[in-house]
C-alpha atoms as a PDB file:
ATOM      1  CA  UNK A   1     -28.276   8.407  26.162  1.00  0.00           C
ATOM      2  CA  UNK A   2     -26.415   9.259  22.954  1.00  0.00           C
ATOM      3  CA  UNK A   3     -24.395  12.441  22.727  1.00  0.00           C
ATOM      4  CA  UNK A   4     -26.618  13.764  19.940  1.00  0.00           C
ATOM      5  CA  UNK A   5     -30.325  13.880  20.828  1.00  0.00           C
ATOM      6  CA  UNK A   6     -32.329  12.369  17.980  1.00  0.00           C
ATOM      7  CA  UNK A   7     -35.956  13.522  17.710  1.00  0.00           C
ATOM      8  CA  UNK A   8     -38.258  10.686  18.775  1.00  0.00           C
ATOM      9  CA  UNK A   9     -41.563  10.202  16.979  1.00  0.00           C
ATOM     10  CA  UNK A  10     -43.972   7.259  16.643  1.00  0.00           C
ATOM     11  CA  UNK A  11     -46.641   6.700  13.998  1.00  0.00           C
ATOM     12  CA  UNK A  12     -48.930   3.669  14.193  1.00  0.00           C
ATOM     13  CA  UNK A  13     -51.054   2.811  11.157  1.00  0.00           C
ATOM     14  CA  UNK A  14     -53.942   0.353  11.478  1.00  0.00           C
ATOM     15  CA  UNK A  15     -52.079  -1.452  14.323  1.00  0.00           C
ATOM     16  CA  UNK A  16     -50.024  -3.137  11.599  1.00  0.00           C
ATOM     17  CA  UNK A  17     -47.197  -0.722  10.809  1.00  0.00           C
ATOM     18  CA  UNK A  18     -45.265   1.264  13.412  1.00  0.00           C
ATOM     19  CA  UNK A  19     -42.752   3.757  12.061  1.00  0.00           C
ATOM     20  CA  UNK A  20     -40.471   5.647  14.395  1.00  0.00           C
ATOM     21  CA  UNK A  21     -37.470   7.933  14.587  1.00  0.00           C
ATOM     22  CA  UNK A  22     -34.989   8.465  17.388  1.00  0.00           C
ATOM     23  CA  UNK A  23     -33.982   4.791  17.640  1.00  0.00           C
ATOM     24  CA  UNK A  24     -30.376   4.337  18.727  1.00  0.00           C
ATOM     25  CA  UNK A  25     -30.222   0.542  19.055  1.00  0.00           C
ATOM     26  CA  UNK A  26     -32.248  -2.585  18.410  1.00  0.00           C
ATOM     27  CA  UNK A  27     -31.776  -4.428  21.723  1.00  0.00           C
ATOM     28  CA  UNK A  28     -33.669  -7.586  20.736  1.00  0.00           C
ATOM     29  CA  UNK A  29     -36.471  -8.774  18.525  1.00  0.00           C
ATOM     30  CA  UNK A  30     -38.516 -11.838  17.714  1.00  0.00           C
ATOM     31  CA  UNK A  31     -41.993 -12.406  16.302  1.00  0.00           C
ATOM     32  CA  UNK A  32     -43.667 -11.448  19.621  1.00  0.00           C
ATOM     33  CA  UNK A  33     -41.606  -8.504  20.911  1.00  0.00           C
ATOM     34  CA  UNK A  34     -39.212  -5.830  19.678  1.00  0.00           C
ATOM     35  CA  UNK A  35     -37.090  -3.968  22.237  1.00  0.00           C
ATOM     36  CA  UNK A  36     -35.580  -0.692  21.053  1.00  0.00           C
ATOM     37  CA  UNK A  37     -33.361   1.857  22.757  1.00  0.00           C
ATOM     38  CA  UNK A  38     -34.611   5.313  21.781  1.00  0.00           C
ATOM     39  CA  UNK A  39     -33.414   8.811  22.533  1.00  0.00           C
ATOM     40  CA  UNK A  40     -36.159   8.942  25.200  1.00  0.00           C
ATOM     41  CA  UNK A  41     -35.730   5.510  26.780  1.00  0.00           C
ATOM     42  CA  UNK A  42     -36.304   1.811  26.211  1.00  0.00           C
ATOM     43  CA  UNK A  43     -39.388   1.059  24.069  1.00  0.00           C
ATOM     44  CA  UNK A  44     -41.018  -2.384  24.049  1.00  0.00           C
ATOM     45  CA  UNK A  45     -43.335  -3.251  21.141  1.00  0.00           C
ATOM     46  CA  UNK A  46     -45.461  -6.371  21.658  1.00  0.00           C
ATOM     47  CA  UNK A  47     -47.582  -8.271  19.171  1.00  0.00           C
ATOM     48  CA  UNK A  48     -47.638 -11.218  16.791  1.00  0.00           C
ATOM     49  CA  UNK A  49     -45.725 -11.933  13.588  1.00  0.00           C
ATOM     50  CA  UNK A  50     -43.544  -8.841  14.136  1.00  0.00           C
ATOM     51  CA  UNK A  51     -40.715  -8.048  11.755  1.00  0.00           C
ATOM     52  CA  UNK A  52     -38.306  -5.146  11.326  1.00  0.00           C
ATOM     53  CA  UNK A  53     -38.510  -3.136   8.125  1.00  0.00           C
ATOM     54  CA  UNK A  54     -36.686  -0.029   6.920  1.00  0.00           C
ATOM     55  CA  UNK A  55     -33.944  -0.282   9.532  1.00  0.00           C
ATOM     56  CA  UNK A  56     -31.684   2.781   9.342  1.00  0.00           C
ATOM     57  CA  UNK A  57     -29.909   3.357  12.638  1.00  0.00           C
ATOM     58  CA  UNK A  58     -27.742   6.077  11.052  1.00  0.00           C
ATOM     59  CA  UNK A  59     -30.860   8.229  10.890  1.00  0.00           C
ATOM     60  CA  UNK A  60     -32.562   6.499  13.822  1.00  0.00           C
ATOM     61  CA  UNK A  61     -35.454   5.275  11.668  1.00  0.00           C
ATOM     62  CA  UNK A  62     -37.105   1.883  12.138  1.00  0.00           C
ATOM     63  CA  UNK A  63     -40.391   0.344  11.037  1.00  0.00           C
ATOM     64  CA  UNK A  64     -42.046  -2.646  12.703  1.00  0.00           C
ATOM     65  CA  UNK A  65     -44.700  -4.600  10.823  1.00  0.00           C
ATOM     66  CA  UNK A  66     -47.111  -7.202  12.196  1.00  0.00           C
ATOM     67  CA  UNK A  67     -50.080  -7.323  14.526  1.00  0.00           C
ATOM     68  CA  UNK A  68     -49.115  -4.754  17.196  1.00  0.00           C
ATOM     69  CA  UNK A  69     -50.903  -5.134  20.538  1.00  0.00           C
ATOM     70  CA  UNK A  70     -48.897  -2.951  22.967  1.00  0.00           C
ATOM     71  CA  UNK A  71     -46.299  -0.195  23.210  1.00  0.00           C
ATOM     72  CA  UNK A  72     -44.567   0.502  26.517  1.00  0.00           C
ATOM     73  CA  UNK A  73     -41.634   2.565  27.719  1.00  0.00           C
ATOM     74  CA  UNK A  74     -39.548   1.093  30.498  1.00  0.00           C
ATOM     75  CA  UNK A  75     -38.770   3.574  33.229  1.00  0.00           C
ATOM     76  CA  UNK A  76     -35.030   4.170  33.578  1.00  0.00           C
ATOM     77  CA  UNK A  77     -33.556   2.606  36.675  1.00  0.00           C
ATOM     78  CA  UNK A  78     -31.807   4.961  39.025  1.00  0.00           C
ATOM     79  CA  UNK A  79     -28.535   3.774  40.388  1.00  0.00           C
ATOM     80  CA  UNK A  80     -25.853   5.048  42.672  1.00  0.00           C
ATOM     81  CA  UNK A  81     -25.704   6.271  46.228  1.00  0.00           C
ATOM     82  CA  UNK A  82     -28.664   8.637  46.029  1.00  0.00           C
ATOM     83  CA  UNK A  83     -30.996   5.719  45.329  1.00  0.00           C
ATOM     84  CA  UNK A  84     -29.556   3.766  48.247  1.00  0.00           C
ATOM     85  CA  UNK A  85     -30.449   6.462  50.800  1.00  0.00           C
ATOM     86  CA  UNK A  86     -33.986   7.289  49.680  1.00  0.00           C
END
């Protein structure tokens, strides 16, 4: 997680435009999936004909356009000794 906590907000319009804040990194993207690291975890956007618009990682703002079918956060994986002994 970044040192400075960016506010994280999503706004989906007509399932065609997703605007968000709090994005710290674009992990990967293609026309079917966009994977973003946000201040609250890894966000996976799935759909068709997806493209990135208005990319401004300085402010943590990103827009995804296309036919959006799913949004999912990946649960953070716990690591270390505590996980081993549970």
